[in-house]
């Protein structure tokens, strides 16, 4: 199968709120951002860039095959950081960009390619992935974003709440059965560089500010977001010390 020509851009902010110094936190004895960079390289992107805000991140990536864009430290979001990266890299507006979060050390190459394919077909301004929720604890975790998708394959809404709200099942405490009705949003995106630049110039939306979910800015502005199912398991990213410990356990198990 022929895959579209795309680049991967990884926003890496040193001063993460919930896990300070996150890009350089060690996972299996190596910086977290290095694991993510390797995943991007394995996906077959034409270029892989890390948009960093601290020279220590660049030092950690030296010699691994990715390019580093030193971006401003005061960006309010990863999208703003990637928009600056797009200008530093000199990408034309039609360049297909996959935004891979800098805290996804287990992102499968197939998933990275899949989101690029969704964006390449031109049916939506932006594309992302989701997978079925596999446990009630995940469904009710506000750190896990859920998404509702229309029959068209476009997102209707993203929320930290368990949407859709199952009126009858949720009213009976202890009877919630996760049966594929809910989707966990995976924080990977793809769009053309021109839309990335436009996205970064949009004012924050009301719903975005309520939920603290940047992708809602796109929906509020009337742009469609295509949502595809991840072709294989896409473990949750690393946002907290507990997530880092879980990732360490996954890595140790994989290494036997």
Protein backbone atom coordinates (compact mmCIF):
# COMPACT_ATOMS: atom_id res chain seq x y z
CA UNK A 1 0.00 0.00 0.00
CA UNK A 2 1.26 3.48 -0.90
CA UNK A 3 1.26 5.89 2.01
CA UNK A 4 0.97 9.67 1.65
CA UNK A 5 4.06 11.84 1.89
CA UNK A 6 4.06 13.40 5.36
CA UNK A 7 6.23 14.91 8.06
CA UNK A 8 5.97 14.34 11.80
CA UNK A 9 6.31 17.20 14.26
CA UNK A 10 6.64 16.54 17.99
CA UNK A 11 5.99 19.41 20.44
CA UNK A 12 8.27 19.02 23.47
CA UNK A 13 7.75 21.49 26.31
CA UNK A 14 10.17 21.19 29.19
CA UNK A 15 8.03 22.81 31.88
CA UNK A 16 5.04 20.48 31.72
CA UNK A 17 2.59 21.31 34.52
CA UNK A 18 1.81 17.82 35.78
CA UNK A 19 5.24 16.33 35.11
CA UNK A 20 7.97 19.02 35.10
CA UNK A 21 10.89 18.23 32.81
CA UNK A 22 8.73 15.59 31.09
CA UNK A 23 10.64 15.29 27.79
CA UNK A 24 13.80 14.38 29.68
CA UNK A 25 12.25 12.07 32.26
CA UNK A 26 13.88 8.67 31.94
CA UNK A 27 12.00 5.68 30.58
CA UNK A 28 14.06 2.52 30.37
CA UNK A 29 17.09 4.66 31.12
CA UNK A 30 16.54 6.99 28.14
CA UNK A 31 14.74 10.36 27.79
CA UNK A 32 11.03 10.09 27.09
CA UNK A 33 11.28 12.33 24.03
CA UNK A 34 13.85 10.00 22.47
CA UNK A 35 11.37 7.10 22.61
CA UNK A 36 8.76 9.26 20.86
CA UNK A 37 11.24 10.36 18.19
CA UNK A 38 12.09 6.75 17.40
CA UNK A 39 8.40 5.93 16.98
CA UNK A 40 8.04 8.77 14.51
CA UNK A 41 11.09 7.66 12.55
CA UNK A 42 9.69 4.12 12.32
CA UNK A 43 6.49 5.42 10.67
CA UNK A 44 8.21 6.35 7.42
CA UNK A 45 7.82 10.13 7.58
CA UNK A 46 9.77 12.23 5.09
CA UNK A 47 11.06 14.33 7.99
CA UNK A 48 10.74 14.17 11.75
CA UNK A 49 11.05 17.40 13.74
CA UNK A 50 10.96 18.03 17.47
CA UNK A 51 9.73 21.51 18.41
CA UNK A 52 11.62 22.09 21.65
CA UNK A 53 11.80 24.98 24.09
CA UNK A 54 14.97 23.99 25.97
CA UNK A 55 18.45 23.22 24.61
CA UNK A 56 18.65 20.18 26.90
CA UNK A 57 15.98 18.54 24.77
CA UNK A 58 18.05 19.15 21.64
CA UNK A 59 21.08 17.64 23.39
CA UNK A 60 19.10 14.51 24.29
CA UNK A 61 18.17 14.00 20.62
CA UNK A 62 21.61 14.54 19.12
CA UNK A 63 22.50 11.88 16.58
CA UNK A 64 19.12 10.10 16.58
CA UNK A 65 18.09 11.23 13.09
CA UNK A 66 15.50 13.91 13.86
CA UNK A 67 15.70 17.66 13.37
CA UNK A 68 15.14 20.09 16.23
CA UNK A 69 13.41 23.46 15.98
CA UNK A 70 14.17 25.70 18.94
CA UNK A 71 10.86 27.46 19.58
CA UNK A 72 9.81 30.13 22.04
CA UNK A 73 9.20 29.11 25.64
CA UNK A 74 6.02 31.18 26.01
CA UNK A 75 3.72 29.31 23.62
CA UNK A 76 0.31 28.60 25.10
CA UNK A 77 -0.20 25.30 23.28
CA UNK A 78 1.52 22.58 21.32
CA UNK A 79 -0.26 23.80 18.19
CA UNK A 80 1.27 27.25 18.54
CA UNK A 81 4.68 25.63 19.01
CA UNK A 82 4.23 23.53 15.88
CA UNK A 83 3.12 26.55 13.86
CA UNK A 84 6.45 28.19 14.71
CA UNK A 85 8.18 24.91 13.82
CA UNK A 86 6.43 24.93 10.42
CA UNK A 87 7.88 28.36 9.71
CA UNK A 88 11.37 27.37 10.89
CA UNK A 89 11.22 24.23 8.72
CA UNK A 90 9.87 26.20 5.76
CA UNK A 91 6.98 23.84 5.04
CA UNK A 92 4.68 24.81 2.20
CA UNK A 93 1.00 25.18 3.12
CA UNK A 94 0.12 21.86 1.46
CA UNK A 95 2.69 19.87 3.50
CA UNK A 96 0.94 17.07 5.40
CA UNK A 97 1.92 17.32 9.07
CA UNK A 98 1.33 14.71 11.77
CA UNK A 99 1.33 16.20 15.25
CA UNK A 100 2.62 13.45 17.53
CA UNK A 101 2.53 14.43 21.18
CA UNK A 102 5.87 14.36 22.96
CA UNK A 103 4.50 12.06 25.65
CA UNK A 104 3.55 9.10 23.42
CA UNK A 105 6.48 6.66 23.83
CA UNK A 106 4.48 3.69 22.52
CA UNK A 107 2.81 5.30 19.51
CA UNK A 108 2.54 2.54 16.86
CA UNK A 109 3.91 3.32 13.42
CA UNK A 110 0.67 2.07 11.86
CA UNK A 111 -1.31 4.62 13.86
CA UNK A 112 0.93 7.47 12.77
CA UNK A 113 0.50 6.46 9.14
CA UNK A 114 -3.26 6.01 9.57
CA UNK A 115 -3.87 9.54 10.79
CA UNK A 116 -1.80 10.87 7.86
CA UNK A 117 -3.98 8.88 5.45
CA UNK A 118 -7.16 10.30 6.99
CA UNK A 119 -5.94 13.86 6.54
CA UNK A 120 -4.63 13.18 3.04
CA UNK A 121 -8.06 12.32 1.61
CA UNK A 122 -9.13 15.94 2.02
CA UNK A 123 -12.55 15.29 3.58
CA UNK A 124 -11.74 17.21 6.76
CA UNK A 125 -9.45 20.03 7.82
CA UNK A 126 -7.95 17.88 10.54
CA UNK A 127 -7.78 14.19 11.43
CA UNK A 128 -7.28 12.22 14.63
CA UNK A 129 -7.68 8.71 16.05
CA UNK A 130 -9.73 6.92 18.68
CA UNK A 131 -10.10 3.45 20.12
CA UNK A 132 -12.81 1.70 22.15
CA UNK A 133 -12.79 2.31 25.89
CA UNK A 134 -11.84 -0.94 27.61
CA UNK A 135 -12.70 -0.31 31.27
CA UNK A 136 -15.09 1.76 33.42
CA UNK A 137 -12.12 3.38 35.19
CA UNK A 138 -10.94 4.75 31.84
CA UNK A 139 -14.42 5.93 30.90
CA UNK A 140 -14.81 7.99 34.08
CA UNK A 141 -11.24 9.31 34.21
CA UNK A 142 -11.25 13.05 33.41
CA UNK A 143 -7.67 12.76 32.17
CA UNK A 144 -8.94 10.41 29.45
CA UNK A 145 -10.68 12.33 26.67
CA UNK A 146 -13.72 10.76 25.06
CA UNK A 147 -15.09 11.49 21.58
CA UNK A 148 -18.48 11.01 19.92
CA UNK A 149 -18.38 10.43 16.17
CA UNK A 150 -21.09 10.95 13.54
CA UNK A 151 -21.94 8.46 10.81
CA UNK A 152 -19.88 10.63 8.47
CA UNK A 153 -16.76 9.76 10.46
CA UNK A 154 -16.44 13.31 11.76
CA UNK A 155 -16.23 14.24 15.43
CA UNK A 156 -19.38 15.57 17.05
CA UNK A 157 -17.75 16.45 20.38
CA UNK A 158 -14.77 15.76 22.63
CA UNK A 159 -15.08 15.75 26.40
CA UNK A 160 -13.41 14.73 29.63
CA UNK A 161 -16.83 13.47 30.72
CA UNK A 162 -18.08 9.96 29.84
CA UNK A 163 -19.98 10.76 26.64
CA UNK A 164 -22.44 9.66 25.47
CA UNK A 165 -24.09 9.63 28.87
CA UNK A 166 -25.91 6.31 29.23
CA UNK A 167 -28.92 7.51 31.18
CA UNK A 168 -30.21 4.14 32.36
CA UNK A 169 -26.93 2.30 32.94
CA UNK A 170 -25.27 5.19 34.76
CA UNK A 171 -28.30 5.63 36.99
CA UNK A 172 -27.79 2.12 38.37
CA UNK A 173 -24.58 2.26 40.39
CA UNK A 174 -22.25 -0.65 39.75
CA UNK A 175 -23.93 -1.82 36.55
CA UNK A 176 -21.79 -0.03 33.98
CA UNK A 177 -20.52 -2.47 31.36
CA UNK A 178 -18.05 -1.15 28.80
CA UNK A 179 -19.31 -2.60 25.54
CA UNK A 180 -17.76 -0.58 22.74
CA UNK A 181 -20.24 2.27 22.94
CA UNK A 182 -17.54 4.70 24.07
CA UNK A 183 -14.39 5.88 22.33
CA UNK A 184 -11.18 7.12 23.89
CA UNK A 185 -9.64 9.96 21.94
CA UNK A 186 -5.99 9.48 21.04
CA UNK A 187 -4.09 12.77 21.04
CA UNK A 188 -2.51 12.53 17.61
CA UNK A 189 -3.49 14.91 14.80
CA UNK A 190 -2.82 15.46 11.13
CA UNK A 191 -3.46 18.48 8.93
CA UNK A 192 -1.90 20.53 6.18
CA UNK A 193 0.67 23.07 7.30
CA UNK A 194 -1.60 25.85 6.05
CA UNK A 195 -4.40 24.76 8.37
CA UNK A 196 -1.92 24.34 11.22
CA UNK A 197 -0.96 27.99 10.79
CA UNK A 198 -4.62 29.00 10.59
CA UNK A 199 -5.48 26.92 13.67
CA UNK A 200 -2.80 28.67 15.72
CA UNK A 201 -4.29 32.06 14.81
CA UNK A 202 -7.84 31.13 15.86
CA UNK A 203 -8.96 32.64 19.16
CA UNK A 204 -9.53 30.11 21.94
CA UNK A 205 -13.12 28.88 21.96
CA UNK A 206 -15.55 28.94 24.88
CA UNK A 207 -15.91 25.16 25.01
CA UNK A 208 -12.15 24.75 24.62
CA UNK A 209 -11.62 26.86 27.72
CA UNK A 210 -14.28 25.00 29.72
CA UNK A 211 -12.94 21.52 28.90
CA UNK A 212 -9.31 22.55 28.42
CA UNK A 213 -9.29 20.69 25.10
CA UNK A 214 -7.68 22.53 22.22
CA UNK A 215 -9.32 20.44 19.49
CA UNK A 216 -12.70 21.91 20.44
CA UNK A 217 -11.47 25.21 18.98
CA UNK A 218 -11.64 23.63 15.54
CA UNK A 219 -15.18 22.29 16.01
CA UNK A 220 -16.41 25.59 17.46
CA UNK A 221 -15.04 27.39 14.41
CA UNK A 222 -17.03 25.07 12.15
CA UNK A 223 -14.23 22.90 10.75
CA UNK A 224 -14.72 19.13 10.51
CA UNK A 225 -12.36 16.71 12.24
CA UNK A 226 -12.12 13.21 10.78
CA UNK A 227 -11.85 10.44 13.37
CA UNK A 228 -10.50 7.00 12.50
CA UNK A 229 -10.10 3.90 14.63
CA UNK A 230 -6.51 3.17 15.55
CA UNK A 231 -5.30 0.15 13.55
CA UNK A 232 -3.64 -1.31 16.64
CA UNK A 233 -3.43 -0.67 20.36
CA UNK A 234 -2.30 2.87 21.17
CA UNK A 235 -1.31 2.97 24.88
CA UNK A 236 -2.14 6.15 26.76
CA UNK A 237 0.54 8.81 26.95
CA UNK A 238 2.59 9.97 29.92
CA UNK A 239 1.10 12.95 31.77
CA UNK A 240 1.77 12.16 35.41
CA UNK A 241 4.34 10.35 37.58
CA UNK A 242 1.87 7.47 37.79
CA UNK A 243 1.72 7.30 33.98
CA UNK A 244 5.51 7.21 33.85
CA UNK A 245 5.59 4.29 36.28
CA UNK A 246 2.99 2.47 34.18
CA UNK A 247 5.04 3.10 31.02
CA UNK A 248 8.12 1.73 32.74
CA UNK A 249 6.21 -1.45 33.58
CA UNK A 250 5.02 -1.80 29.97
CA UNK A 251 8.56 -1.35 28.68
CA UNK A 252 9.98 -3.89 31.14
CA UNK A 253 7.31 -6.43 30.17
CA UNK A 254 8.04 -5.93 26.47
CA UNK A 255 11.74 -6.46 27.06
CA UNK A 256 11.02 -9.66 28.95
